[in-house]
Amino acid sequence: MSPMTAKAKGFKKSKPGAYLSMATTAFGAVSVVKQARMARKENDTLRLVDAAVSAAAIVTGLALLYRELKKLGDEDVLLG
């Protein structure tokens, strides 16, 4: 494993890495909302189901990242 790869893996398990992942995941929610609106407008059930599944994946991803932050011992006021 190269030093750069090890550094990147370490960043993923850090507080800044977790916050960046949360922001990226939350940003993906904007796309899902747009997809759901378009699907509803066009009465496209399959796209609506896809948006719902994507939203569930986003919620699950955020929950996992939140748990990771708690493990890292983040004393942020927002996380309690």
N, C-alpha and C. Protein backbone atom coordinates (compact mmCIF):
# COMPACT_ATOMS: atom_id res chain seq x y z
N MET A 1 0.85 -1.17 0.00
CA MET A 1 0.00 0.00 0.00
C MET A 1 0.91 1.24 0.00
N SER A 2 0.60 2.18 -0.87
CA SER A 2 1.42 3.39 -0.96
C SER A 2 1.11 4.33 0.20
N PRO A 3 2.02 5.23 0.53
CA PRO A 3 1.77 6.18 1.62
C PRO A 3 0.54 7.05 1.36
N MET A 4 0.30 7.37 0.08
CA MET A 4 -0.86 8.19 -0.26
C MET A 4 -2.17 7.45 0.02
N THR A 5 -2.19 6.16 -0.29
CA THR A 5 -3.38 5.35 -0.04
C THR A 5 -3.64 5.24 1.46
N ALA A 6 -2.59 5.04 2.22
CA ALA A 6 -2.74 4.94 3.67
C ALA A 6 -3.25 6.26 4.24
N LYS A 7 -2.76 7.36 3.71
CA LYS A 7 -3.19 8.67 4.17
C LYS A 7 -4.68 8.88 3.87
N ALA A 8 -5.12 8.46 2.68
CA ALA A 8 -6.52 8.61 2.29
C ALA A 8 -7.42 7.75 3.18
N LYS A 9 -6.99 6.55 3.50
CA LYS A 9 -7.79 5.69 4.38
C LYS A 9 -7.86 6.26 5.78
N GLY A 10 -6.78 6.86 6.24
CA GLY A 10 -6.78 7.51 7.55
C GLY A 10 -7.71 8.70 7.59
N PHE A 11 -7.79 9.43 6.48
CA PHE A 11 -8.67 10.59 6.41
C PHE A 11 -10.14 10.17 6.51
N LYS A 12 -10.47 9.04 5.90
CA LYS A 12 -11.85 8.55 5.95
C LYS A 12 -12.29 8.27 7.39
N LYS A 13 -11.35 7.86 8.24
CA LYS A 13 -11.68 7.52 9.62
C LYS A 13 -11.44 8.69 10.56
N SER A 14 -11.30 9.90 10.02
CA SER A 14 -11.08 11.08 10.85
C SER A 14 -12.36 11.91 10.93
N LYS A 15 -12.40 12.83 11.88
CA LYS A 15 -13.56 13.71 12.01
C LYS A 15 -13.77 14.56 10.76
N PRO A 16 -12.73 15.22 10.25
CA PRO A 16 -12.94 16.00 9.02
C PRO A 16 -13.42 15.12 7.86
N GLY A 17 -12.89 13.91 7.77
CA GLY A 17 -13.32 13.00 6.72
C GLY A 17 -14.79 12.62 6.86
N ALA A 18 -15.21 12.38 8.10
CA ALA A 18 -16.61 12.03 8.34
C ALA A 18 -17.53 13.20 8.02
N TYR A 19 -17.11 14.42 8.41
CA TYR A 19 -17.92 15.60 8.09
C TYR A 19 -18.00 15.81 6.58
N LEU A 20 -16.90 15.62 5.88
CA LEU A 20 -16.90 15.77 4.43
C LEU A 20 -17.81 14.73 3.79
N SER A 21 -17.77 13.51 4.28
CA SER A 21 -18.65 12.46 3.76
C SER A 21 -20.11 12.78 4.02
N MET A 22 -20.40 13.32 5.21
CA MET A 22 -21.79 13.70 5.51
C MET A 22 -22.27 14.80 4.57
N ALA A 23 -21.42 15.79 4.33
CA ALA A 23 -21.79 16.89 3.43
C ALA A 23 -22.02 16.38 2.02
N THR A 24 -21.16 15.50 1.56
CA THR A 24 -21.30 14.93 0.22
C THR A 24 -22.58 14.11 0.11
N THR A 25 -22.85 13.32 1.14
CA THR A 25 -24.06 12.50 1.14
C THR A 25 -25.31 13.38 1.17
N ALA A 26 -25.30 14.40 2.00
CA ALA A 26 -26.45 15.32 2.08
C ALA A 26 -26.64 16.05 0.76
N PHE A 27 -25.54 16.41 0.10
CA PHE A 27 -25.64 17.08 -1.20
C PHE A 27 -26.33 16.17 -2.21
N GLY A 28 -26.11 14.87 -2.11
CA GLY A 28 -26.78 13.91 -2.99
C GLY A 28 -28.28 13.90 -2.80
N ALA A 29 -28.74 14.33 -1.63
CA ALA A 29 -30.17 14.37 -1.35
C ALA A 29 -30.87 15.37 -2.26
N VAL A 30 -30.18 16.43 -2.65
CA VAL A 30 -30.76 17.43 -3.55
C VAL A 30 -31.15 16.78 -4.87
N SER A 31 -30.27 15.95 -5.39
CA SER A 31 -30.54 15.24 -6.64
C SER A 31 -31.73 14.29 -6.49
N VAL A 32 -31.81 13.62 -5.35
CA VAL A 32 -32.91 12.68 -5.12
C VAL A 32 -34.25 13.43 -5.04
N VAL A 33 -34.26 14.58 -4.40
CA VAL A 33 -35.49 15.38 -4.31
C VAL A 33 -35.93 15.81 -5.70
N LYS A 34 -34.99 16.26 -6.52
CA LYS A 34 -35.32 16.65 -7.89
C LYS A 34 -35.89 15.47 -8.67
N GLN A 35 -35.26 14.31 -8.49
CA GLN A 35 -35.72 13.10 -9.18
C GLN A 35 -37.14 12.74 -8.75
N ALA A 36 -37.41 12.84 -7.46
CA ALA A 36 -38.74 12.50 -6.95
C ALA A 36 -39.79 13.48 -7.49
N ARG A 37 -39.46 14.75 -7.51
CA ARG A 37 -40.41 15.75 -8.04
C ARG A 37 -40.72 15.49 -9.50
N MET A 38 -39.68 15.22 -10.27
CA MET A 38 -39.87 14.95 -11.70
C MET A 38 -40.71 13.69 -11.89
N ALA A 39 -40.44 12.67 -11.11
CA ALA A 39 -41.19 11.41 -11.22
C ALA A 39 -42.66 11.62 -10.88
N ARG A 40 -42.91 12.41 -9.84
CA ARG A 40 -44.30 12.69 -9.47
C ARG A 40 -45.00 13.47 -10.56
N LYS A 41 -44.30 14.44 -11.11
CA LYS A 41 -44.87 15.29 -12.16
C LYS A 41 -45.23 14.47 -13.40
N GLU A 42 -44.36 13.50 -13.73
CA GLU A 42 -44.56 12.67 -14.92
C GLU A 42 -45.32 11.37 -14.62
N ASN A 43 -45.76 11.18 -13.39
CA ASN A 43 -46.44 9.94 -12.96
C ASN A 43 -45.61 8.70 -13.30
N ASP A 44 -44.31 8.78 -13.05
CA ASP A 44 -43.38 7.68 -13.34
C ASP A 44 -43.12 6.92 -12.04
N THR A 45 -43.83 5.83 -11.85
CA THR A 45 -43.75 5.06 -10.62
C THR A 45 -42.36 4.46 -10.41
N LEU A 46 -41.76 3.98 -11.47
CA LEU A 46 -40.44 3.35 -11.34
C LEU A 46 -39.40 4.36 -10.87
N ARG A 47 -39.41 5.56 -11.43
CA ARG A 47 -38.48 6.60 -10.98
C ARG A 47 -38.77 7.02 -9.55
N LEU A 48 -40.04 7.04 -9.19
CA LEU A 48 -40.41 7.41 -7.82
C LEU A 48 -39.90 6.36 -6.83
N VAL A 49 -40.01 5.11 -7.19
CA VAL A 49 -39.48 4.03 -6.34
C VAL A 49 -37.96 4.15 -6.25
N ASP A 50 -37.31 4.44 -7.37
CA ASP A 50 -35.86 4.62 -7.37
C ASP A 50 -35.46 5.77 -6.45
N ALA A 51 -36.20 6.86 -6.49
CA ALA A 51 -35.91 8.01 -5.62
C ALA A 51 -36.09 7.62 -4.15
N ALA A 52 -37.13 6.85 -3.85
CA ALA A 52 -37.38 6.43 -2.47
C ALA A 52 -36.25 5.53 -1.96
N VAL A 53 -35.79 4.62 -2.80
CA VAL A 53 -34.70 3.73 -2.42
C VAL A 53 -33.41 4.54 -2.22
N SER A 54 -33.17 5.49 -3.11
CA SER A 54 -31.99 6.35 -2.99
C SER A 54 -32.06 7.17 -1.70
N ALA A 55 -33.25 7.67 -1.38
CA ALA A 55 -33.41 8.45 -0.15
C ALA A 55 -33.14 7.58 1.07
N ALA A 56 -33.60 6.34 1.03
CA ALA A 56 -33.33 5.43 2.15
C ALA A 56 -31.83 5.16 2.29
N ALA A 57 -31.14 5.05 1.16
CA ALA A 57 -29.69 4.84 1.19
C ALA A 57 -28.98 6.06 1.78
N ILE A 58 -29.46 7.25 1.46
CA ILE A 58 -28.87 8.47 1.99
C ILE A 58 -29.08 8.54 3.50
N VAL A 59 -30.27 8.25 3.96
CA VAL A 59 -30.56 8.28 5.39
C VAL A 59 -29.69 7.26 6.12
N THR A 60 -29.58 6.07 5.56
CA THR A 60 -28.74 5.03 6.17
C THR A 60 -27.27 5.47 6.19
N GLY A 61 -26.80 6.03 5.10
CA GLY A 61 -25.42 6.51 5.04
C GLY A 61 -25.14 7.58 6.06
N LEU A 62 -26.07 8.53 6.21
CA LEU A 62 -25.89 9.58 7.22
C LEU A 62 -25.90 9.01 8.63
N ALA A 63 -26.75 8.01 8.88
CA ALA A 63 -26.80 7.38 10.20
C ALA A 63 -25.47 6.67 10.51
N LEU A 64 -24.91 6.00 9.51
CA LEU A 64 -23.62 5.32 9.71
C LEU A 64 -22.51 6.33 9.96
N LEU A 65 -22.52 7.44 9.24
CA LEU A 65 -21.51 8.47 9.46
C LEU A 65 -21.66 9.12 10.83
N TYR A 66 -22.89 9.32 11.25
CA TYR A 66 -23.15 9.88 12.59
C TYR A 66 -22.59 8.94 13.66
N ARG A 67 -22.82 7.64 13.48
CA ARG A 67 -22.29 6.65 14.42
C ARG A 67 -20.77 6.67 14.43
N GLU A 68 -20.16 6.83 13.27
CA GLU A 68 -18.71 6.91 13.18
C GLU A 68 -18.19 8.13 13.94
N LEU A 69 -18.88 9.25 13.81
CA LEU A 69 -18.47 10.45 14.55
C LEU A 69 -18.57 10.22 16.06
N LYS A 70 -19.62 9.54 16.48
CA LYS A 70 -19.76 9.25 17.92
C LYS A 70 -18.61 8.37 18.39
N LYS A 71 -18.21 7.41 17.57
CA LYS A 71 -17.08 6.54 17.92
C LYS A 71 -15.78 7.33 18.02
N LEU A 72 -15.65 8.33 17.18
CA LEU A 72 -14.43 9.15 17.19
C LEU A 72 -14.41 10.09 18.39
N GLY A 73 -15.50 10.14 19.15
CA GLY A 73 -15.55 10.95 20.35
C GLY A 73 -15.72 12.43 20.09
N ASP A 74 -16.52 12.74 19.10
CA ASP A 74 -16.75 14.15 18.75
C ASP A 74 -17.60 14.79 19.83
N GLU A 75 -17.10 15.89 20.42
CA GLU A 75 -17.85 16.61 21.44
C GLU A 75 -18.57 17.82 20.88
N ASP A 76 -18.94 17.75 19.63
CA ASP A 76 -19.63 18.86 18.99
C ASP A 76 -20.98 19.08 19.68
N VAL A 77 -21.35 20.33 19.85
CA VAL A 77 -22.61 20.67 20.54
C VAL A 77 -23.80 20.11 19.78
N LEU A 78 -23.73 20.10 18.45
CA LEU A 78 -24.85 19.61 17.66
C LEU A 78 -25.08 18.12 17.83
N LEU A 79 -24.02 17.36 18.09
CA LEU A 79 -24.16 15.90 18.20
C LEU A 79 -24.48 15.43 19.61
N GLY A 80 -24.30 16.29 20.59
CA GLY A 80 -24.65 15.95 21.96
C GLY A 80 -23.73 15.07 22.65
